[in-house]
Amino acid sequence: MDFDGNFEYSHIVSVNIEQRQGKVQVYPNPFTDGFRVEVSAGDELPVPARLFDALGRVVWQGTIQQTTQSLELSALPAGIFLLKVEWDNGVEQAKLLKN
């Protein structure tokens, strides 16, 4: 209701939110030498992925080829990392800690 006592109905708008095609899980987390990436992506594989350090620098980039894939990253220093997997309809992220 307005200040003058009048009212007007708003237009109804329908919103369709698409679910992302895949879901990313990483384990173990924290990790020491490497970790496994598990995706439920169906037909979208392979998908590009990148690992960033806490300063935003790319420290690894590659392609996730399988629904479960191991990454060997023992050369990385201890710290916090962010794995980004790039789907056709968006990006999913997973935060990782290396001991």
N, C-alpha and C. Protein backbone atom coordinates (compact mmCIF):
# COMPACT_ATOMS: atom_id res chain seq x y z
N MET A 1 0.84 -1.17 0.00
CA MET A 1 0.00 0.00 0.00
C MET A 1 0.89 1.24 0.00
N ASP A 2 0.54 2.22 -0.83
CA ASP A 2 1.28 3.48 -0.90
C ASP A 2 0.86 4.41 0.23
N PHE A 3 1.53 5.55 0.31
CA PHE A 3 1.21 6.55 1.31
C PHE A 3 -0.19 7.13 1.11
N ASP A 4 -0.63 7.16 -0.16
CA ASP A 4 -1.95 7.75 -0.44
C ASP A 4 -3.08 6.73 -0.35
N GLY A 5 -2.79 5.50 0.07
CA GLY A 5 -3.81 4.50 0.25
C GLY A 5 -4.07 3.62 -0.95
N ASN A 6 -3.41 3.89 -2.08
CA ASN A 6 -3.56 3.08 -3.29
C ASN A 6 -2.60 1.91 -3.27
N PHE A 7 -2.96 0.89 -4.00
CA PHE A 7 -2.05 -0.24 -4.13
C PHE A 7 -2.11 -0.77 -5.55
N GLU A 8 -1.04 -1.48 -5.90
CA GLU A 8 -0.94 -2.06 -7.25
C GLU A 8 -0.17 -3.37 -7.12
N TYR A 9 -0.65 -4.39 -7.83
CA TYR A 9 0.04 -5.67 -7.81
C TYR A 9 1.27 -5.63 -8.70
N SER A 10 2.32 -6.31 -8.28
CA SER A 10 3.55 -6.40 -9.08
C SER A 10 3.40 -7.50 -10.12
N HIS A 11 4.22 -7.40 -11.15
CA HIS A 11 4.26 -8.46 -12.16
C HIS A 11 4.96 -9.68 -11.57
N ILE A 12 4.45 -10.85 -11.87
CA ILE A 12 5.06 -12.08 -11.39
C ILE A 12 6.08 -12.53 -12.43
N VAL A 13 7.28 -12.80 -11.97
CA VAL A 13 8.37 -13.22 -12.85
C VAL A 13 8.83 -14.59 -12.41
N SER A 14 8.94 -15.50 -13.36
CA SER A 14 9.41 -16.86 -13.08
C SER A 14 10.93 -16.90 -13.29
N VAL A 15 11.62 -17.55 -12.36
CA VAL A 15 13.07 -17.69 -12.45
C VAL A 15 13.41 -19.16 -12.48
N ASN A 16 14.21 -19.56 -13.44
CA ASN A 16 14.65 -20.95 -13.55
C ASN A 16 16.14 -20.99 -13.26
N ILE A 17 16.52 -21.64 -12.19
CA ILE A 17 17.92 -21.74 -11.81
C ILE A 17 18.42 -23.12 -12.20
N GLU A 18 19.41 -23.14 -13.08
CA GLU A 18 19.96 -24.42 -13.53
C GLU A 18 20.94 -24.96 -12.51
N GLN A 19 20.87 -26.25 -12.29
CA GLN A 19 21.85 -26.90 -11.43
C GLN A 19 23.15 -27.08 -12.20
N ARG A 20 24.25 -26.95 -11.53
CA ARG A 20 25.52 -27.21 -12.19
C ARG A 20 25.59 -28.68 -12.56
N GLN A 21 26.29 -28.94 -13.64
CA GLN A 21 26.38 -30.30 -14.15
C GLN A 21 27.22 -31.19 -13.24
N GLY A 22 28.24 -30.67 -12.64
CA GLY A 22 29.14 -31.51 -11.86
C GLY A 22 29.26 -31.06 -10.42
N LYS A 23 29.88 -31.89 -9.66
CA LYS A 23 30.16 -31.56 -8.28
C LYS A 23 31.58 -32.02 -8.00
N VAL A 24 32.34 -31.17 -7.35
CA VAL A 24 33.75 -31.44 -7.10
C VAL A 24 33.96 -31.78 -5.64
N GLN A 25 34.67 -32.87 -5.39
CA GLN A 25 35.09 -33.23 -4.04
C GLN A 25 36.58 -33.53 -4.10
N VAL A 26 37.29 -33.12 -3.06
CA VAL A 26 38.73 -33.40 -2.98
C VAL A 26 39.02 -34.08 -1.65
N TYR A 27 39.92 -35.05 -1.69
CA TYR A 27 40.31 -35.75 -0.46
C TYR A 27 41.67 -36.40 -0.68
N PRO A 28 42.49 -36.60 0.34
CA PRO A 28 42.27 -36.08 1.69
C PRO A 28 42.49 -34.57 1.73
N ASN A 29 41.90 -33.94 2.69
CA ASN A 29 42.06 -32.51 2.86
C ASN A 29 42.06 -32.23 4.36
N PRO A 30 43.22 -31.89 4.93
CA PRO A 30 44.47 -31.49 4.29
C PRO A 30 45.23 -32.66 3.67
N PHE A 31 46.12 -32.31 2.72
CA PHE A 31 46.92 -33.32 2.03
C PHE A 31 48.40 -33.06 2.24
N THR A 32 49.22 -34.09 1.98
CA THR A 32 50.67 -33.97 2.14
C THR A 32 51.38 -34.00 0.79
N ASP A 33 51.19 -35.07 0.05
CA ASP A 33 51.89 -35.21 -1.24
C ASP A 33 50.95 -35.03 -2.44
N GLY A 34 49.71 -35.36 -2.29
CA GLY A 34 48.76 -35.27 -3.38
C GLY A 34 47.35 -35.50 -2.88
N PHE A 35 46.40 -35.35 -3.77
CA PHE A 35 45.01 -35.56 -3.40
C PHE A 35 44.24 -36.10 -4.60
N ARG A 36 43.05 -36.57 -4.34
CA ARG A 36 42.17 -37.09 -5.40
C ARG A 36 41.07 -36.06 -5.65
N VAL A 37 40.76 -35.89 -6.91
CA VAL A 37 39.64 -35.05 -7.31
C VAL A 37 38.54 -35.98 -7.80
N GLU A 38 37.36 -35.84 -7.23
CA GLU A 38 36.23 -36.65 -7.65
C GLU A 38 35.15 -35.71 -8.19
N VAL A 39 34.72 -35.97 -9.41
CA VAL A 39 33.68 -35.15 -10.02
C VAL A 39 32.54 -36.05 -10.48
N SER A 40 31.34 -35.53 -10.38
CA SER A 40 30.19 -36.24 -10.93
C SER A 40 29.73 -35.42 -12.13
N ALA A 41 30.39 -35.66 -13.25
CA ALA A 41 30.22 -34.79 -14.40
C ALA A 41 29.49 -35.42 -15.57
N GLY A 42 29.36 -36.72 -15.57
CA GLY A 42 28.69 -37.37 -16.69
C GLY A 42 29.44 -37.20 -17.99
N ASP A 43 28.76 -36.66 -18.99
CA ASP A 43 29.34 -36.54 -20.33
C ASP A 43 30.24 -35.32 -20.52
N GLU A 44 30.40 -34.50 -19.49
CA GLU A 44 31.15 -33.26 -19.66
C GLU A 44 32.66 -33.43 -19.59
N LEU A 45 33.15 -34.59 -19.21
CA LEU A 45 34.59 -34.79 -19.11
C LEU A 45 35.20 -34.88 -20.50
N PRO A 46 36.40 -34.43 -20.69
CA PRO A 46 37.30 -33.78 -19.73
C PRO A 46 36.92 -32.32 -19.48
N VAL A 47 37.35 -31.82 -18.32
CA VAL A 47 37.12 -30.42 -17.96
C VAL A 47 38.44 -29.80 -17.49
N PRO A 48 38.69 -28.54 -17.85
CA PRO A 48 39.91 -27.89 -17.40
C PRO A 48 39.84 -27.55 -15.92
N ALA A 49 41.00 -27.58 -15.28
CA ALA A 49 41.09 -27.24 -13.85
C ALA A 49 42.39 -26.51 -13.60
N ARG A 50 42.36 -25.64 -12.59
CA ARG A 50 43.56 -24.91 -12.18
C ARG A 50 43.62 -24.86 -10.66
N LEU A 51 44.84 -24.87 -10.13
CA LEU A 51 45.07 -24.77 -8.70
C LEU A 51 45.81 -23.46 -8.44
N PHE A 52 45.26 -22.66 -7.53
CA PHE A 52 45.83 -21.35 -7.20
C PHE A 52 46.39 -21.38 -5.79
N ASP A 53 47.48 -20.65 -5.57
CA ASP A 53 47.98 -20.50 -4.20
C ASP A 53 47.23 -19.35 -3.53
N ALA A 54 47.61 -19.04 -2.29
CA ALA A 54 46.91 -18.01 -1.52
C ALA A 54 47.08 -16.61 -2.11
N LEU A 55 48.09 -16.42 -2.97
CA LEU A 55 48.31 -15.12 -3.60
C LEU A 55 47.63 -15.02 -4.97
N GLY A 56 46.91 -16.06 -5.36
CA GLY A 56 46.20 -16.04 -6.63
C GLY A 56 47.02 -16.48 -7.83
N ARG A 57 48.20 -17.01 -7.59
CA ARG A 57 49.04 -17.49 -8.69
C ARG A 57 48.66 -18.91 -9.06
N VAL A 58 48.66 -19.20 -10.34
CA VAL A 58 48.38 -20.57 -10.81
C VAL A 58 49.61 -21.42 -10.54
N VAL A 59 49.45 -22.47 -9.72
CA VAL A 59 50.57 -23.36 -9.40
C VAL A 59 50.45 -24.71 -10.10
N TRP A 60 49.28 -24.98 -10.65
CA TRP A 60 49.06 -26.19 -11.45
C TRP A 60 47.87 -25.93 -12.35
N GLN A 61 47.96 -26.43 -13.58
CA GLN A 61 46.79 -26.42 -14.44
C GLN A 61 46.81 -27.66 -15.30
N GLY A 62 45.64 -28.18 -15.55
CA GLY A 62 45.55 -29.40 -16.32
C GLY A 62 44.10 -29.70 -16.63
N THR A 63 43.85 -30.96 -16.91
CA THR A 63 42.51 -31.39 -17.29
C THR A 63 42.09 -32.57 -16.43
N ILE A 64 40.88 -32.50 -15.93
CA ILE A 64 40.31 -33.64 -15.22
C ILE A 64 39.71 -34.55 -16.28
N GLN A 65 40.31 -35.75 -16.42
CA GLN A 65 39.94 -36.67 -17.49
C GLN A 65 38.95 -37.74 -17.05
N GLN A 66 38.95 -38.03 -15.74
CA GLN A 66 38.15 -39.14 -15.22
C GLN A 66 37.32 -38.67 -14.03
N THR A 67 36.32 -39.44 -13.67
CA THR A 67 35.49 -39.04 -12.53
C THR A 67 36.27 -39.04 -11.22
N THR A 68 37.31 -39.84 -11.13
CA THR A 68 38.23 -39.80 -9.98
C THR A 68 39.64 -39.74 -10.53
N GLN A 69 40.37 -38.72 -10.15
CA GLN A 69 41.72 -38.53 -10.67
C GLN A 69 42.64 -38.08 -9.54
N SER A 70 43.84 -38.66 -9.51
CA SER A 70 44.83 -38.29 -8.50
C SER A 70 45.75 -37.21 -9.04
N LEU A 71 46.08 -36.26 -8.19
CA LEU A 71 47.03 -35.21 -8.53
C LEU A 71 48.19 -35.30 -7.56
N GLU A 72 49.40 -35.42 -8.08
CA GLU A 72 50.62 -35.50 -7.28
C GLU A 72 51.23 -34.11 -7.22
N LEU A 73 51.23 -33.51 -6.05
CA LEU A 73 51.71 -32.13 -5.90
C LEU A 73 52.65 -32.00 -4.71
N SER A 74 53.53 -32.96 -4.53
CA SER A 74 54.45 -32.94 -3.39
C SER A 74 55.44 -31.78 -3.44
N ALA A 75 55.69 -31.23 -4.62
CA ALA A 75 56.65 -30.13 -4.75
C ALA A 75 56.11 -28.79 -4.24
N LEU A 76 54.80 -28.72 -4.01
CA LEU A 76 54.22 -27.46 -3.52
C LEU A 76 54.58 -27.23 -2.06
N PRO A 77 54.76 -25.97 -1.67
CA PRO A 77 54.98 -25.68 -0.25
C PRO A 77 53.69 -25.82 0.53
N ALA A 78 53.81 -25.92 1.85
CA ALA A 78 52.62 -25.97 2.70
C ALA A 78 51.84 -24.66 2.55
N GLY A 79 50.52 -24.76 2.61
CA GLY A 79 49.71 -23.55 2.50
C GLY A 79 48.28 -23.86 2.09
N ILE A 80 47.54 -22.79 1.79
CA ILE A 80 46.15 -22.89 1.39
C ILE A 80 46.08 -22.73 -0.13
N PHE A 81 45.27 -23.58 -0.76
CA PHE A 81 45.14 -23.58 -2.21
C PHE A 81 43.67 -23.62 -2.59
N LEU A 82 43.39 -23.18 -3.81
CA LEU A 82 42.02 -23.18 -4.32
C LEU A 82 42.02 -23.88 -5.67
N LEU A 83 41.25 -24.96 -5.76
CA LEU A 83 41.10 -25.70 -7.02
C LEU A 83 39.84 -25.19 -7.71
N LYS A 84 39.99 -24.77 -8.97
CA LYS A 84 38.83 -24.31 -9.76
C LYS A 84 38.65 -25.25 -10.93
N VAL A 85 37.44 -25.79 -11.05
CA VAL A 85 37.08 -26.67 -12.16
C VAL A 85 36.08 -25.89 -13.02
N GLU A 86 36.37 -25.81 -14.32
CA GLU A 86 35.59 -24.96 -15.21
C GLU A 86 34.62 -25.78 -16.06
N TRP A 87 33.33 -25.73 -15.69
CA TRP A 87 32.28 -26.40 -16.44
C TRP A 87 31.81 -25.49 -17.56
N ASP A 88 31.01 -26.02 -18.46
CA ASP A 88 30.43 -25.21 -19.54
C ASP A 88 29.55 -24.09 -18.99
N ASN A 89 28.88 -24.35 -17.88
CA ASN A 89 27.93 -23.36 -17.35
C ASN A 89 28.39 -22.72 -16.05
N GLY A 90 29.68 -22.75 -15.75
CA GLY A 90 30.16 -22.10 -14.54
C GLY A 90 31.44 -22.73 -14.01
N VAL A 91 31.84 -22.26 -12.87
CA VAL A 91 33.08 -22.70 -12.22
C VAL A 91 32.74 -23.20 -10.82
N GLU A 92 33.34 -24.32 -10.43
CA GLU A 92 33.22 -24.81 -9.06
C GLU A 92 34.60 -24.74 -8.40
N GLN A 93 34.59 -24.50 -7.12
CA GLN A 93 35.84 -24.33 -6.38
C GLN A 93 35.89 -25.27 -5.19
N ALA A 94 37.10 -25.65 -4.83
CA ALA A 94 37.33 -26.44 -3.62
C ALA A 94 38.58 -25.89 -2.94
N LYS A 95 38.46 -25.59 -1.65
CA LYS A 95 39.59 -25.07 -0.90
C LYS A 95 40.38 -26.24 -0.33
N LEU A 96 41.71 -26.17 -0.43
CA LEU A 96 42.59 -27.25 0.05
C LEU A 96 43.66 -26.70 0.97
N LEU A 97 44.11 -27.56 1.87
CA LEU A 97 45.21 -27.20 2.77
C LEU A 97 46.29 -28.25 2.60
N LYS A 98 47.53 -27.79 2.34
CA LYS A 98 48.67 -28.71 2.23
C LYS A 98 49.51 -28.58 3.50
N ASN A 99 49.77 -29.74 4.14
CA ASN A 99 50.62 -29.76 5.33
C ASN A 99 52.08 -29.74 4.95
